[in-house]
Amino acid sequence: MSRFFRITLLLLVALLLSACAHSAAKMQVLDNSLRAYERAVRWSEWQTLQHFYKTDTRAVLAAAQRAPDTFKVTGYEVLRRQLSRDENSLTQEVRITYYRTDDMIERHILNTQEWRYDPSANLWFLSSPPPALK
């Protein structure tokens, strides 16, 4: 085996390993974001949800923050997740079970979330509206 071939092979392996490490780190950031968002929804922490949106899209939270004490979430079930091939976006569908404090009737909605990765911030942000509890 020639010395050039061995060096080229070694560099290729190092490059692949560094790419895998970056991808794993990005997926860890995604997992942390998804868990934190789920926790905020489960505990009805509507003010916390704004941190999952970029500054220019925070206006969509007005509907979710109208009456933060009116809704109590009792369940959050992930039904489907689909990561894009380039690993820069994720679509997640969840079922949120909740009740209104004024009538105590349990309801549920399906919420489709669109997550986008921002490489400059190394963070995942939601680009879809927050859950519309009614």
Protein backbone atom coordinates (compact mmCIF):
# COMPACT_ATOMS: atom_id res chain seq x y z
CA MET A 1 0.00 0.00 0.00
CA SER A 2 1.52 3.30 -1.01
CA ARG A 3 2.20 6.01 1.51
CA PHE A 4 0.03 8.49 -0.43
CA PHE A 5 -2.91 6.08 -0.37
CA ARG A 6 -2.58 5.52 3.40
CA ILE A 7 -2.43 9.26 4.12
CA THR A 8 -5.42 9.91 1.85
CA LEU A 9 -7.38 7.13 3.52
CA LEU A 10 -6.49 8.43 6.98
CA LEU A 11 -7.60 11.97 6.05
CA LEU A 12 -10.86 10.64 4.61
CA VAL A 13 -11.62 8.68 7.78
CA ALA A 14 -10.85 11.75 9.93
CA LEU A 15 -13.13 13.88 7.77
CA LEU A 16 -15.97 11.37 8.04
CA LEU A 17 -15.59 11.11 11.80
CA SER A 18 -15.68 14.89 12.23
CA ALA A 19 -18.82 15.08 10.06
CA CYS A 20 -20.48 12.40 12.19
CA ALA A 21 -19.52 14.23 15.38
CA HIS A 22 -21.05 17.47 14.07
CA SER A 23 -24.23 15.66 13.04
CA ALA A 24 -24.48 13.96 16.44
CA ALA A 25 -24.03 17.28 18.23
CA LYS A 26 -26.72 18.88 16.05
CA MET A 27 -29.11 16.00 16.80
CA GLN A 28 -28.40 16.38 20.53
CA VAL A 29 -29.34 20.07 20.31
CA LEU A 30 -32.55 19.05 18.48
CA ASP A 31 -33.40 16.45 21.12
CA ASN A 32 -32.83 19.00 23.90
CA SER A 33 -35.07 21.53 22.11
CA LEU A 34 -37.87 19.01 21.56
CA ARG A 35 -37.79 17.93 25.21
CA ALA A 36 -37.74 21.50 26.52
CA TYR A 37 -40.64 22.47 24.25
CA GLU A 38 -42.65 19.43 25.34
CA ARG A 39 -41.98 20.29 28.99
CA ALA A 40 -43.12 23.89 28.47
CA VAL A 41 -46.36 22.75 26.79
CA ARG A 42 -47.03 20.01 29.37
CA TRP A 43 -46.68 22.49 32.23
CA SER A 44 -48.70 25.16 30.36
CA GLU A 45 -45.74 27.56 30.46
CA TRP A 46 -47.01 29.64 27.55
CA GLN A 47 -44.54 32.47 28.10
CA THR A 48 -41.64 30.02 27.72
CA LEU A 49 -42.78 29.03 24.22
CA GLN A 50 -41.60 32.33 22.78
CA HIS A 51 -37.98 31.22 23.22
CA PHE A 52 -38.47 28.51 20.61
CA TYR A 53 -39.24 31.06 17.88
CA LYS A 54 -36.96 33.46 16.10
CA THR A 55 -37.55 37.09 17.01
CA ASP A 56 -39.46 37.92 13.82
CA THR A 57 -42.00 35.12 14.35
CA ARG A 58 -42.83 35.67 18.02
CA ALA A 59 -46.02 37.51 17.06
CA VAL A 60 -47.67 34.13 16.39
CA LEU A 61 -47.60 33.46 20.12
CA ALA A 62 -50.25 36.07 20.84
CA ALA A 63 -53.02 33.51 20.43
CA ALA A 64 -51.41 31.03 22.81
CA GLN A 65 -50.77 33.71 25.42
CA ARG A 66 -54.24 35.28 25.40
CA ALA A 67 -55.38 33.50 28.53
CA PRO A 68 -52.51 31.46 29.97
CA ASP A 69 -54.49 30.25 33.01
CA THR A 70 -57.49 29.12 30.94
CA PHE A 71 -55.92 25.88 29.66
CA LYS A 72 -54.23 23.00 31.48
CA VAL A 73 -52.39 20.36 29.46
CA THR A 74 -52.79 16.76 30.58
CA GLY A 75 -50.97 14.94 27.79
CA TYR A 76 -48.42 15.39 25.01
CA GLU A 77 -47.90 12.43 22.70
CA VAL A 78 -45.51 12.43 19.75
CA LEU A 79 -47.26 10.69 16.87
CA ARG A 80 -44.73 11.15 14.09
CA ARG A 81 -41.30 12.64 13.43
CA GLN A 82 -39.65 13.09 10.06
CA LEU A 83 -36.17 14.52 9.66
CA SER A 84 -35.18 15.96 6.29
CA ARG A 85 -32.35 14.34 4.35
CA ASP A 86 -30.05 17.31 4.97
CA GLU A 87 -30.91 17.16 8.70
CA ASN A 88 -31.78 20.87 8.77
CA SER A 89 -35.54 20.53 9.30
CA LEU A 90 -37.87 18.28 11.19
CA THR A 91 -41.64 17.83 11.04
CA GLN A 92 -43.23 16.53 14.21
CA GLU A 93 -46.90 15.78 14.79
CA VAL A 94 -48.14 15.62 18.37
CA ARG A 95 -51.46 15.09 20.11
CA ILE A 96 -52.00 17.54 22.95
CA THR A 97 -54.67 16.65 25.49
CA TYR A 98 -55.94 19.52 27.63
CA TYR A 99 -58.93 20.96 29.43
CA ARG A 100 -60.34 24.43 29.93
CA THR A 101 -60.48 25.43 33.57
CA ASP A 102 -63.95 26.95 33.15
CA ASP A 103 -65.70 23.77 31.93
CA MET A 104 -63.30 20.90 32.84
CA ILE A 105 -64.04 19.04 29.58
CA GLU A 106 -61.01 17.21 28.24
CA ARG A 107 -60.16 17.94 24.62
CA HIS A 108 -57.30 17.17 22.27
CA ILE A 109 -55.75 18.72 19.20
CA LEU A 110 -53.23 17.56 16.64
CA ASN A 111 -50.34 19.99 16.38
CA THR A 112 -47.89 19.85 13.47
CA GLN A 113 -44.56 21.43 14.31
CA GLU A 114 -41.98 22.54 11.75
CA TRP A 115 -38.51 22.83 13.25
CA ARG A 116 -35.60 24.50 11.39
CA TYR A 117 -31.92 24.44 12.21
CA ASP A 118 -29.99 27.72 12.29
CA PRO A 119 -26.30 26.86 11.82
CA SER A 120 -25.09 30.33 12.82
CA ALA A 121 -26.78 30.02 16.23
CA ASN A 122 -26.43 26.22 16.48
CA LEU A 123 -30.09 26.13 17.57
CA TRP A 124 -33.38 24.69 16.35
CA PHE A 125 -36.35 27.05 16.00
CA LEU A 126 -40.02 26.48 15.35
CA SER A 127 -41.38 27.98 12.14
CA SER A 128 -44.97 26.78 12.66
CA PRO A 129 -47.62 28.41 14.86
CA PRO A 130 -48.01 27.37 18.49
CA PRO A 131 -50.79 24.98 19.49
CA ALA A 132 -54.23 26.55 19.06
CA LEU A 133 -56.08 25.50 22.18
CA LYS A 134 -59.76 26.44 22.07
